[in-house]
Amino acid sequence: MQNYTVKTLYPGENILLTPDHLTYSPYVYLNMRTCKKSQDNAGLEDAHLRPQRAAVINAKPAIPYATPEIVIPLEKMEEIRTVLIYDIKRGLLKNTSNMMGTPTNTDPQGHLYATAYGWGGLPIDDAD
């Protein structure tokens, strides 16, 4: 499944998600990015303890989430993913500036490569 960006939030910001924000499902995938104070284990522990655990998500779904049936057999999906990753390693992805974002401002092929490779990226304007 490809995840698109609805909004990047910064400290103190919030958003009320409505059905108009959604594309292919009534659910959202939340991703949180924090900065480490230092590159050692203490910096990593601080990043986990302080900002990540302080986040508050008030989610009240009308329909409880259930994992969807996989449309493509797992073996076939991994085969496709392996080919896409090989393409990236060979340098076939030339433009990474529009791999993440909304369905209207994201390059579909670049987004497919990014999700296959596991990049949980931000839109270019927020990826500093």
N, C-alpha and C. Protein backbone atom coordinates (compact mmCIF):
# COMPACT_ATOMS: atom_id res chain seq x y z
N MET A 1 0.85 -1.18 0.00
CA MET A 1 0.00 0.00 0.00
C MET A 1 0.89 1.23 0.00
N GLN A 2 0.53 2.18 -0.79
CA GLN A 2 1.28 3.42 -0.85
C GLN A 2 0.61 4.45 0.05
N ASN A 3 1.41 5.08 0.89
CA ASN A 3 0.90 6.09 1.80
C ASN A 3 1.24 7.48 1.28
N TYR A 4 0.25 8.33 1.23
CA TYR A 4 0.44 9.70 0.79
C TYR A 4 0.41 10.63 1.99
N THR A 5 0.96 11.82 1.84
CA THR A 5 1.02 12.78 2.92
C THR A 5 -0.19 13.70 2.87
N VAL A 6 -0.91 13.77 3.96
CA VAL A 6 -2.03 14.71 4.08
C VAL A 6 -1.49 16.05 4.55
N LYS A 7 -0.67 16.02 5.60
CA LYS A 7 -0.16 17.26 6.19
C LYS A 7 1.04 16.92 7.05
N THR A 8 2.05 17.76 7.01
CA THR A 8 3.18 17.65 7.92
C THR A 8 2.93 18.64 9.05
N LEU A 9 2.92 18.14 10.27
CA LEU A 9 2.67 19.00 11.43
C LEU A 9 3.98 19.28 12.16
N TYR A 10 4.07 20.47 12.70
CA TYR A 10 5.22 20.88 13.49
C TYR A 10 4.77 21.13 14.93
N PRO A 11 5.71 21.22 15.88
CA PRO A 11 5.32 21.38 17.29
C PRO A 11 4.28 22.48 17.48
N GLY A 12 3.24 22.12 18.22
CA GLY A 12 2.16 23.05 18.51
C GLY A 12 1.04 23.05 17.49
N GLU A 13 1.24 22.39 16.35
CA GLU A 13 0.20 22.35 15.33
C GLU A 13 -0.68 21.12 15.53
N ASN A 14 -1.88 21.18 14.97
CA ASN A 14 -2.76 20.02 14.99
C ASN A 14 -3.62 20.06 13.73
N ILE A 15 -4.32 18.98 13.51
CA ILE A 15 -5.20 18.88 12.34
C ILE A 15 -6.40 18.02 12.70
N LEU A 16 -7.53 18.39 12.19
CA LEU A 16 -8.73 17.57 12.29
C LEU A 16 -8.92 16.94 10.92
N LEU A 17 -8.70 15.64 10.85
CA LEU A 17 -8.83 14.94 9.57
C LEU A 17 -10.30 14.64 9.29
N THR A 18 -10.69 14.87 8.05
CA THR A 18 -12.05 14.59 7.61
C THR A 18 -11.98 13.64 6.42
N PRO A 19 -13.08 13.07 6.00
CA PRO A 19 -13.06 12.19 4.82
C PRO A 19 -12.48 12.87 3.57
N ASP A 20 -12.57 14.19 3.49
CA ASP A 20 -12.01 14.90 2.33
C ASP A 20 -10.49 14.78 2.26
N HIS A 21 -9.82 14.49 3.37
CA HIS A 21 -8.37 14.34 3.39
C HIS A 21 -7.92 12.96 2.89
N LEU A 22 -8.81 12.00 2.86
CA LEU A 22 -8.44 10.62 2.61
C LEU A 22 -8.50 10.28 1.13
N THR A 23 -7.73 9.27 0.74
CA THR A 23 -7.69 8.89 -0.67
C THR A 23 -8.28 7.50 -0.91
N TYR A 24 -7.64 6.47 -0.37
CA TYR A 24 -8.03 5.10 -0.73
C TYR A 24 -8.60 4.28 0.42
N SER A 25 -8.72 4.88 1.57
CA SER A 25 -9.16 4.13 2.74
C SER A 25 -9.73 5.11 3.76
N PRO A 26 -10.58 4.65 4.65
CA PRO A 26 -11.09 5.54 5.69
C PRO A 26 -10.11 5.67 6.87
N TYR A 27 -8.89 5.16 6.73
CA TYR A 27 -7.91 5.18 7.81
C TYR A 27 -6.69 6.01 7.41
N VAL A 28 -5.94 6.45 8.41
CA VAL A 28 -4.71 7.18 8.15
C VAL A 28 -3.55 6.46 8.82
N TYR A 29 -2.38 6.65 8.25
CA TYR A 29 -1.13 6.10 8.77
C TYR A 29 -0.36 7.28 9.33
N LEU A 30 -0.03 7.24 10.61
CA LEU A 30 0.67 8.34 11.25
C LEU A 30 2.15 8.02 11.37
N ASN A 31 2.96 9.00 11.06
CA ASN A 31 4.41 8.84 11.11
C ASN A 31 4.97 10.03 11.88
N MET A 32 5.91 9.78 12.77
CA MET A 32 6.47 10.86 13.57
C MET A 32 7.99 10.89 13.41
N ARG A 33 8.50 12.06 13.17
CA ARG A 33 9.94 12.24 12.99
C ARG A 33 10.46 13.12 14.12
N THR A 34 11.49 12.66 14.80
CA THR A 34 12.09 13.44 15.88
C THR A 34 13.58 13.58 15.63
N CYS A 35 14.17 14.55 16.26
CA CYS A 35 15.60 14.81 16.10
C CYS A 35 16.34 14.34 17.35
N LYS A 36 17.46 13.66 17.13
CA LYS A 36 18.28 13.22 18.26
C LYS A 36 19.19 14.35 18.71
N LYS A 37 19.38 14.48 20.03
CA LYS A 37 20.30 15.49 20.55
C LYS A 37 21.75 15.12 20.27
N SER A 38 22.03 13.82 20.26
CA SER A 38 23.38 13.35 19.98
C SER A 38 23.28 12.04 19.20
N GLN A 39 24.38 11.61 18.61
CA GLN A 39 24.37 10.43 17.76
C GLN A 39 24.63 9.13 18.53
N ASP A 40 24.79 9.20 19.84
CA ASP A 40 25.03 7.99 20.62
C ASP A 40 23.71 7.41 21.14
N ASN A 41 23.79 6.34 21.92
CA ASN A 41 22.58 5.70 22.44
C ASN A 41 21.78 6.62 23.34
N ALA A 42 22.45 7.50 24.07
CA ALA A 42 21.74 8.44 24.95
C ALA A 42 20.86 9.37 24.11
N GLY A 43 21.35 9.81 22.97
CA GLY A 43 20.56 10.66 22.08
C GLY A 43 19.35 9.94 21.54
N LEU A 44 19.53 8.67 21.19
CA LEU A 44 18.43 7.86 20.69
C LEU A 44 17.38 7.64 21.79
N GLU A 45 17.83 7.30 22.98
CA GLU A 45 16.90 7.09 24.09
C GLU A 45 16.12 8.37 24.40
N ASP A 46 16.81 9.51 24.39
CA ASP A 46 16.15 10.79 24.66
C ASP A 46 15.09 11.08 23.60
N ALA A 47 15.40 10.80 22.33
CA ALA A 47 14.44 11.04 21.25
C ALA A 47 13.20 10.18 21.43
N HIS A 48 13.37 8.96 21.90
CA HIS A 48 12.22 8.08 22.12
C HIS A 48 11.42 8.49 23.34
N LEU A 49 12.11 8.84 24.41
CA LEU A 49 11.42 9.13 25.66
C LEU A 49 10.70 10.47 25.65
N ARG A 50 11.39 11.48 25.19
CA ARG A 50 10.85 12.84 25.32
C ARG A 50 9.81 13.16 24.25
N PRO A 51 10.19 13.44 23.01
CA PRO A 51 9.19 13.91 22.05
C PRO A 51 8.21 12.84 21.58
N GLN A 52 8.69 11.63 21.34
CA GLN A 52 7.78 10.61 20.81
C GLN A 52 6.73 10.21 21.83
N ARG A 53 7.12 10.04 23.06
CA ARG A 53 6.15 9.62 24.07
C ARG A 53 5.26 10.76 24.53
N ALA A 54 5.65 11.99 24.22
CA ALA A 54 4.82 13.14 24.60
C ALA A 54 3.71 13.40 23.59
N ALA A 55 3.79 12.78 22.43
CA ALA A 55 2.77 13.00 21.39
C ALA A 55 1.42 12.45 21.85
N VAL A 56 0.38 13.18 21.55
CA VAL A 56 -0.97 12.76 21.90
C VAL A 56 -1.78 12.62 20.62
N ILE A 57 -2.36 11.47 20.44
CA ILE A 57 -3.21 11.23 19.27
C ILE A 57 -4.59 10.86 19.79
N ASN A 58 -5.55 11.71 19.51
CA ASN A 58 -6.93 11.46 19.91
C ASN A 58 -7.67 10.93 18.69
N ALA A 59 -7.68 9.62 18.55
CA ALA A 59 -8.31 9.00 17.38
C ALA A 59 -9.58 8.29 17.82
N LYS A 60 -10.63 8.59 17.13
CA LYS A 60 -11.91 7.97 17.44
C LYS A 60 -12.53 7.43 16.16
N PRO A 61 -12.04 6.27 15.69
CA PRO A 61 -12.59 5.74 14.44
C PRO A 61 -14.02 5.24 14.61
N ALA A 62 -14.83 5.50 13.63
CA ALA A 62 -16.20 5.00 13.65
C ALA A 62 -16.23 3.50 13.38
N ILE A 63 -15.24 3.04 12.62
CA ILE A 63 -15.15 1.62 12.27
C ILE A 63 -13.77 1.13 12.70
N PRO A 64 -13.69 0.15 13.60
CA PRO A 64 -12.37 -0.36 14.02
C PRO A 64 -11.58 -0.88 12.83
N TYR A 65 -10.27 -0.65 12.87
CA TYR A 65 -9.41 -1.08 11.76
C TYR A 65 -9.26 -2.59 11.76
N ALA A 66 -9.32 -3.18 10.59
CA ALA A 66 -9.04 -4.60 10.39
C ALA A 66 -8.07 -4.70 9.22
N THR A 67 -7.06 -5.52 9.36
CA THR A 67 -6.08 -5.69 8.30
C THR A 67 -6.78 -6.21 7.04
N PRO A 68 -6.56 -5.53 5.90
CA PRO A 68 -7.22 -5.99 4.68
C PRO A 68 -6.62 -7.29 4.17
N GLU A 69 -7.40 -7.98 3.37
CA GLU A 69 -6.89 -9.18 2.72
C GLU A 69 -5.80 -8.75 1.73
N ILE A 70 -4.73 -9.50 1.65
CA ILE A 70 -3.67 -9.17 0.71
C ILE A 70 -4.12 -9.58 -0.69
N VAL A 71 -4.09 -8.62 -1.61
CA VAL A 71 -4.55 -8.87 -2.97
C VAL A 71 -3.51 -9.67 -3.75
N ILE A 72 -2.23 -9.33 -3.54
CA ILE A 72 -1.14 -10.02 -4.23
C ILE A 72 -0.51 -10.98 -3.22
N PRO A 73 -0.26 -12.22 -3.61
CA PRO A 73 0.43 -13.13 -2.69
C PRO A 73 1.76 -12.53 -2.23
N LEU A 74 2.10 -12.74 -0.98
CA LEU A 74 3.30 -12.15 -0.39
C LEU A 74 4.55 -12.44 -1.22
N GLU A 75 4.69 -13.66 -1.71
CA GLU A 75 5.88 -14.01 -2.51
C GLU A 75 5.97 -13.15 -3.76
N LYS A 76 4.85 -12.92 -4.43
CA LYS A 76 4.83 -12.10 -5.64
C LYS A 76 5.13 -10.64 -5.30
N MET A 77 4.58 -10.16 -4.20
CA MET A 77 4.83 -8.78 -3.78
C MET A 77 6.32 -8.58 -3.49
N GLU A 78 6.95 -9.53 -2.82
CA GLU A 78 8.38 -9.43 -2.53
C GLU A 78 9.22 -9.50 -3.80
N GLU A 79 8.77 -10.27 -4.77
CA GLU A 79 9.47 -10.35 -6.06
C GLU A 79 9.44 -8.99 -6.76
N ILE A 80 8.28 -8.35 -6.78
CA ILE A 80 8.14 -7.03 -7.39
C ILE A 80 8.98 -6.01 -6.64
N ARG A 81 8.93 -6.05 -5.32
CA ARG A 81 9.70 -5.11 -4.49
C ARG A 81 11.19 -5.26 -4.75
N THR A 82 11.67 -6.49 -4.87
CA THR A 82 13.08 -6.75 -5.13
C THR A 82 13.52 -6.12 -6.45
N VAL A 83 12.70 -6.23 -7.48
CA VAL A 83 13.01 -5.64 -8.78
C VAL A 83 13.06 -4.12 -8.67
N LEU A 84 12.11 -3.53 -7.96
CA LEU A 84 12.09 -2.07 -7.79
C LEU A 84 13.34 -1.59 -7.04
N ILE A 85 13.73 -2.29 -6.00
CA ILE A 85 14.93 -1.92 -5.25
C ILE A 85 16.17 -2.05 -6.13
N TYR A 86 16.23 -3.09 -6.94
CA TYR A 86 17.34 -3.26 -7.88
C TYR A 86 17.41 -2.07 -8.85
N ASP A 87 16.26 -1.62 -9.33
CA ASP A 87 16.22 -0.45 -10.21
C ASP A 87 16.81 0.78 -9.52
N ILE A 88 16.47 0.97 -8.25
CA ILE A 88 16.99 2.12 -7.49
C ILE A 88 18.50 2.02 -7.38
N LYS A 89 19.00 0.84 -7.04
CA LYS A 89 20.44 0.65 -6.89
C LYS A 89 21.18 0.86 -8.20
N ARG A 90 20.51 0.62 -9.33
CA ARG A 90 21.12 0.85 -10.64
C ARG A 90 21.01 2.30 -11.08
N GLY A 91 20.37 3.13 -10.26
CA GLY A 91 20.28 4.55 -10.57
C GLY A 91 19.15 4.94 -11.50
N LEU A 92 18.13 4.11 -11.63
CA LEU A 92 17.03 4.43 -12.54
C LEU A 92 16.09 5.50 -12.00
N LEU A 93 16.15 5.76 -10.71
CA LEU A 93 15.32 6.82 -10.13
C LEU A 93 16.14 8.10 -10.18
N LYS A 94 15.82 8.97 -11.12
CA LYS A 94 16.62 10.18 -11.37
C LYS A 94 16.16 11.37 -10.53
N ASN A 95 14.87 11.47 -10.26
CA ASN A 95 14.34 12.64 -9.56
C ASN A 95 13.66 12.20 -8.27
N THR A 96 14.20 12.62 -7.14
CA THR A 96 13.61 12.23 -5.86
C THR A 96 12.82 13.37 -5.23
N SER A 97 12.64 14.47 -5.94
CA SER A 97 12.01 15.64 -5.34
C SER A 97 10.50 15.51 -5.18
N ASN A 98 9.88 14.61 -5.92
CA ASN A 98 8.42 14.50 -5.82
C ASN A 98 7.97 13.06 -5.60
N MET A 99 8.71 12.34 -4.76
CA MET A 99 8.35 10.96 -4.44
C MET A 99 7.30 10.89 -3.34
N MET A 100 7.26 11.89 -2.49
CA MET A 100 6.33 11.90 -1.37
C MET A 100 5.46 13.14 -1.43
N GLY A 101 4.23 13.00 -1.01
CA GLY A 101 3.29 14.11 -1.01
C GLY A 101 1.88 13.59 -1.16
N THR A 102 1.06 14.36 -1.84
CA THR A 102 -0.33 13.97 -2.07
C THR A 102 -0.43 13.23 -3.41
N PRO A 103 -1.54 12.57 -3.67
CA PRO A 103 -1.68 11.90 -4.97
C PRO A 103 -1.60 12.88 -6.15
N THR A 104 -1.90 14.15 -5.93
CA THR A 104 -1.89 15.12 -7.03
C THR A 104 -0.53 15.74 -7.29
N ASN A 105 0.41 15.70 -6.32
CA ASN A 105 1.72 16.31 -6.56
C ASN A 105 2.88 15.32 -6.45
N THR A 106 2.57 14.04 -6.48
CA THR A 106 3.58 13.00 -6.35
C THR A 106 3.73 12.26 -7.68
N ASP A 107 4.98 12.03 -8.07
CA ASP A 107 5.24 11.23 -9.27
C ASP A 107 4.92 9.77 -8.94
N PRO A 108 3.97 9.15 -9.64
CA PRO A 108 3.57 7.78 -9.29
C PRO A 108 4.72 6.77 -9.32
N GLN A 109 5.60 6.85 -10.33
CA GLN A 109 6.71 5.90 -10.41
C GLN A 109 7.70 6.11 -9.28
N GLY A 110 8.05 7.38 -9.01
CA GLY A 110 8.96 7.67 -7.90
C GLY A 110 8.38 7.25 -6.57
N HIS A 111 7.07 7.45 -6.40
CA HIS A 111 6.41 7.07 -5.15
C HIS A 111 6.43 5.55 -4.98
N LEU A 112 6.24 4.84 -6.07
CA LEU A 112 6.31 3.38 -6.02
C LEU A 112 7.70 2.92 -5.61
N TYR A 113 8.73 3.52 -6.20
CA TYR A 113 10.11 3.19 -5.80
C TYR A 113 10.34 3.49 -4.32
N ALA A 114 9.90 4.66 -3.88
CA ALA A 114 10.13 5.06 -2.49
C ALA A 114 9.45 4.12 -1.51
N THR A 115 8.22 3.74 -1.79
CA THR A 115 7.53 2.84 -0.87
C THR A 115 8.12 1.44 -0.91
N ALA A 116 8.59 1.01 -2.08
CA ALA A 116 9.24 -0.31 -2.18
C ALA A 116 10.52 -0.34 -1.36
N TYR A 117 11.25 0.77 -1.37
CA TYR A 117 12.53 0.84 -0.67
C TYR A 117 12.34 1.08 0.83
N GLY A 118 11.12 1.47 1.22
CA GLY A 118 10.84 1.67 2.64
C GLY A 118 11.11 3.08 3.12
N TRP A 119 11.22 4.03 2.19
CA TRP A 119 11.42 5.41 2.61
C TRP A 119 10.12 5.94 3.19
N GLY A 120 10.15 6.37 4.43
CA GLY A 120 9.00 7.00 5.05
C GLY A 120 9.16 8.50 4.91
N GLY A 121 9.29 8.95 3.71
CA GLY A 121 9.71 10.31 3.43
C GLY A 121 8.67 11.37 3.66
N LEU A 122 9.17 12.57 3.71
CA LEU A 122 8.34 13.77 3.80
C LEU A 122 8.31 14.43 2.43
N PRO A 123 7.27 15.22 2.15
CA PRO A 123 7.30 16.02 0.93
C PRO A 123 8.55 16.92 0.94
N ILE A 124 9.05 17.27 -0.21
CA ILE A 124 10.32 17.99 -0.33
C ILE A 124 10.33 19.28 0.49
N ASP A 125 9.21 19.98 0.59
CA ASP A 125 9.17 21.23 1.35
C ASP A 125 9.39 21.01 2.85
N ASP A 126 9.15 19.80 3.33
CA ASP A 126 9.29 19.50 4.76
C ASP A 126 10.50 18.64 5.07
N ALA A 127 11.23 18.22 4.08
CA ALA A 127 12.34 17.28 4.28
C ALA A 127 13.67 18.01 4.41
N ASP A 128 13.81 18.77 5.45
CA ASP A 128 15.10 19.46 5.64
C ASP A 128 15.94 18.80 6.69
